[in-house]
């Protein structure tokens, strides 16, 4: 079965970390896309990891 909505404690630390990683990734992606391919790829990776932490972090 899946997680139930709103029942049980949630770890807000992983959600905050996920949001922070997504924001940093978006900033890196927006600032460095014209200049460096590797930094934009790193930004995309940070966004992905941040989303996974935010969505599935318990």
N, C-alpha and C. Protein backbone atom coordinates (compact mmCIF):
# COMPACT_ATOMS: atom_id res chain seq x y z
N UNK A 1 0.83 -1.19 0.00
CA UNK A 1 0.00 0.00 0.00
C UNK A 1 0.87 1.25 0.00
N UNK A 2 0.29 2.37 -0.25
CA UNK A 2 1.04 3.62 -0.31
C UNK A 2 0.99 4.38 1.00
N UNK A 3 1.62 5.50 1.01
CA UNK A 3 1.60 6.36 2.18
C UNK A 3 0.22 6.98 2.33
N UNK A 4 -0.23 7.12 3.55
CA UNK A 4 -1.52 7.76 3.76
C UNK A 4 -1.31 9.27 3.89
N UNK A 5 -2.27 10.01 3.42
CA UNK A 5 -2.16 11.46 3.41
C UNK A 5 -2.41 12.04 4.79
N UNK A 6 -1.45 12.78 5.31
CA UNK A 6 -1.65 13.53 6.54
C UNK A 6 -1.56 12.72 7.82
N UNK A 7 -1.33 11.44 7.77
CA UNK A 7 -1.26 10.64 8.98
C UNK A 7 0.19 10.35 9.32
N UNK A 8 0.55 10.49 10.58
CA UNK A 8 1.89 10.16 11.01
C UNK A 8 2.83 11.35 10.89
N UNK A 9 3.96 11.27 11.59
CA UNK A 9 4.93 12.37 11.55
C UNK A 9 5.69 12.39 10.22
N UNK A 10 6.01 13.58 9.78
CA UNK A 10 6.84 13.72 8.58
C UNK A 10 8.12 14.42 8.97
N UNK A 11 9.19 14.13 8.28
CA UNK A 11 10.47 14.76 8.55
C UNK A 11 10.58 16.00 7.69
N UNK A 12 10.35 17.15 8.29
CA UNK A 12 10.37 18.39 7.52
C UNK A 12 11.79 18.77 7.11
N UNK A 13 12.79 18.19 7.74
CA UNK A 13 14.18 18.49 7.39
C UNK A 13 14.52 18.05 5.98
N UNK A 14 14.06 16.87 5.59
CA UNK A 14 14.34 16.42 4.23
C UNK A 14 13.54 17.21 3.21
N UNK A 15 12.34 17.64 3.58
CA UNK A 15 11.55 18.47 2.67
C UNK A 15 12.21 19.82 2.46
N UNK A 16 12.71 20.42 3.52
CA UNK A 16 13.40 21.71 3.41
C UNK A 16 14.68 21.55 2.60
N UNK A 17 15.42 20.47 2.84
CA UNK A 17 16.64 20.22 2.08
C UNK A 17 16.32 20.03 0.61
N UNK A 18 15.23 19.34 0.31
CA UNK A 18 14.82 19.16 -1.07
C UNK A 18 14.47 20.46 -1.76
N UNK A 19 13.75 21.32 -1.06
CA UNK A 19 13.39 22.62 -1.63
C UNK A 19 14.62 23.47 -1.86
N UNK A 20 15.56 23.46 -0.90
CA UNK A 20 16.79 24.23 -1.04
C UNK A 20 17.60 23.73 -2.24
N UNK A 21 17.71 22.41 -2.40
CA UNK A 21 18.44 21.87 -3.54
C UNK A 21 17.77 22.24 -4.87
N UNK A 22 16.44 22.23 -4.89
CA UNK A 22 15.75 22.61 -6.12
C UNK A 22 15.98 24.08 -6.46
N UNK A 23 15.97 24.95 -5.45
CA UNK A 23 16.20 26.38 -5.70
C UNK A 23 17.63 26.62 -6.18
N UNK A 24 18.60 25.98 -5.53
CA UNK A 24 19.99 26.14 -5.95
C UNK A 24 20.19 25.61 -7.36
N UNK A 25 19.58 24.47 -7.65
CA UNK A 25 19.68 23.90 -9.00
C UNK A 25 19.07 24.80 -10.05
N UNK A 26 17.91 25.39 -9.74
CA UNK A 26 17.28 26.31 -10.71
C UNK A 26 18.15 27.54 -10.94
N UNK A 27 18.72 28.09 -9.87
CA UNK A 27 19.59 29.25 -10.03
C UNK A 27 20.82 28.92 -10.87
N UNK A 28 21.43 27.76 -10.58
CA UNK A 28 22.60 27.36 -11.38
C UNK A 28 22.22 27.14 -12.83
N UNK A 29 21.07 26.52 -13.05
CA UNK A 29 20.63 26.25 -14.41
C UNK A 29 20.36 27.55 -15.16
N UNK A 30 19.71 28.50 -14.52
CA UNK A 30 19.37 29.76 -15.18
C UNK A 30 20.59 30.65 -15.40
N UNK A 31 21.52 30.65 -14.47
CA UNK A 31 22.68 31.54 -14.57
C UNK A 31 23.73 30.98 -15.53
N UNK A 32 23.99 29.68 -15.47
CA UNK A 32 25.13 29.11 -16.18
C UNK A 32 24.80 28.40 -17.49
N UNK A 33 23.54 28.36 -17.90
CA UNK A 33 23.21 27.67 -19.16
C UNK A 33 23.97 28.24 -20.35
N UNK A 34 24.04 29.56 -20.49
CA UNK A 34 24.74 30.06 -21.67
C UNK A 34 26.24 29.82 -21.64
N UNK A 35 26.82 29.59 -20.47
CA UNK A 35 28.28 29.56 -20.37
C UNK A 35 28.86 28.15 -20.31
N UNK A 36 28.40 27.37 -19.36
CA UNK A 36 29.04 26.09 -19.09
C UNK A 36 28.01 24.97 -19.09
N UNK A 37 28.29 23.95 -19.87
CA UNK A 37 27.38 22.82 -19.96
C UNK A 37 27.39 22.00 -18.68
N UNK A 38 28.57 21.83 -18.09
CA UNK A 38 28.65 20.98 -16.90
C UNK A 38 27.94 21.58 -15.70
N UNK A 39 27.94 22.91 -15.57
CA UNK A 39 27.23 23.51 -14.44
C UNK A 39 25.72 23.44 -14.64
N UNK A 40 25.27 23.55 -15.89
CA UNK A 40 23.83 23.40 -16.11
C UNK A 40 23.41 21.95 -15.87
N UNK A 41 24.26 20.99 -16.21
CA UNK A 41 23.97 19.58 -15.93
C UNK A 41 23.94 19.34 -14.42
N UNK A 42 24.87 19.97 -13.69
CA UNK A 42 24.87 19.87 -12.24
C UNK A 42 23.59 20.48 -11.66
N UNK A 43 23.14 21.58 -12.23
CA UNK A 43 21.89 22.20 -11.78
C UNK A 43 20.71 21.28 -11.98
N UNK A 44 20.66 20.59 -13.11
CA UNK A 44 19.58 19.65 -13.38
C UNK A 44 19.63 18.49 -12.39
N UNK A 45 20.84 18.02 -12.08
CA UNK A 45 20.98 16.94 -11.10
C UNK A 45 20.52 17.40 -9.71
N UNK A 46 20.87 18.62 -9.32
CA UNK A 46 20.44 19.13 -8.02
C UNK A 46 18.92 19.27 -7.96
N UNK A 47 18.31 19.71 -9.05
CA UNK A 47 16.86 19.82 -9.09
C UNK A 47 16.23 18.43 -8.93
N UNK A 48 16.79 17.45 -9.61
CA UNK A 48 16.25 16.09 -9.54
C UNK A 48 16.37 15.50 -8.14
N UNK A 49 17.54 15.63 -7.54
CA UNK A 49 17.75 15.10 -6.20
C UNK A 49 16.88 15.84 -5.20
N UNK A 50 16.78 17.16 -5.36
CA UNK A 50 15.92 17.94 -4.47
C UNK A 50 14.48 17.54 -4.58
N UNK A 51 14.01 17.28 -5.80
CA UNK A 51 12.63 16.85 -5.97
C UNK A 51 12.40 15.49 -5.33
N UNK A 52 13.36 14.58 -5.51
CA UNK A 52 13.21 13.26 -4.90
C UNK A 52 13.18 13.34 -3.38
N UNK A 53 14.04 14.18 -2.79
CA UNK A 53 14.03 14.36 -1.34
C UNK A 53 12.72 14.98 -0.88
N UNK A 54 12.25 15.97 -1.62
CA UNK A 54 11.02 16.64 -1.25
C UNK A 54 9.81 15.71 -1.37
N UNK A 55 9.79 14.91 -2.42
CA UNK A 55 8.62 14.07 -2.69
C UNK A 55 8.60 12.81 -1.83
N UNK A 56 9.75 12.16 -1.68
CA UNK A 56 9.77 10.86 -1.01
C UNK A 56 10.45 10.88 0.35
N UNK A 57 10.96 12.03 0.79
CA UNK A 57 11.64 12.10 2.07
C UNK A 57 10.68 11.91 3.24
N UNK A 58 11.08 11.08 4.17
CA UNK A 58 10.23 10.82 5.33
C UNK A 58 10.95 11.17 6.59
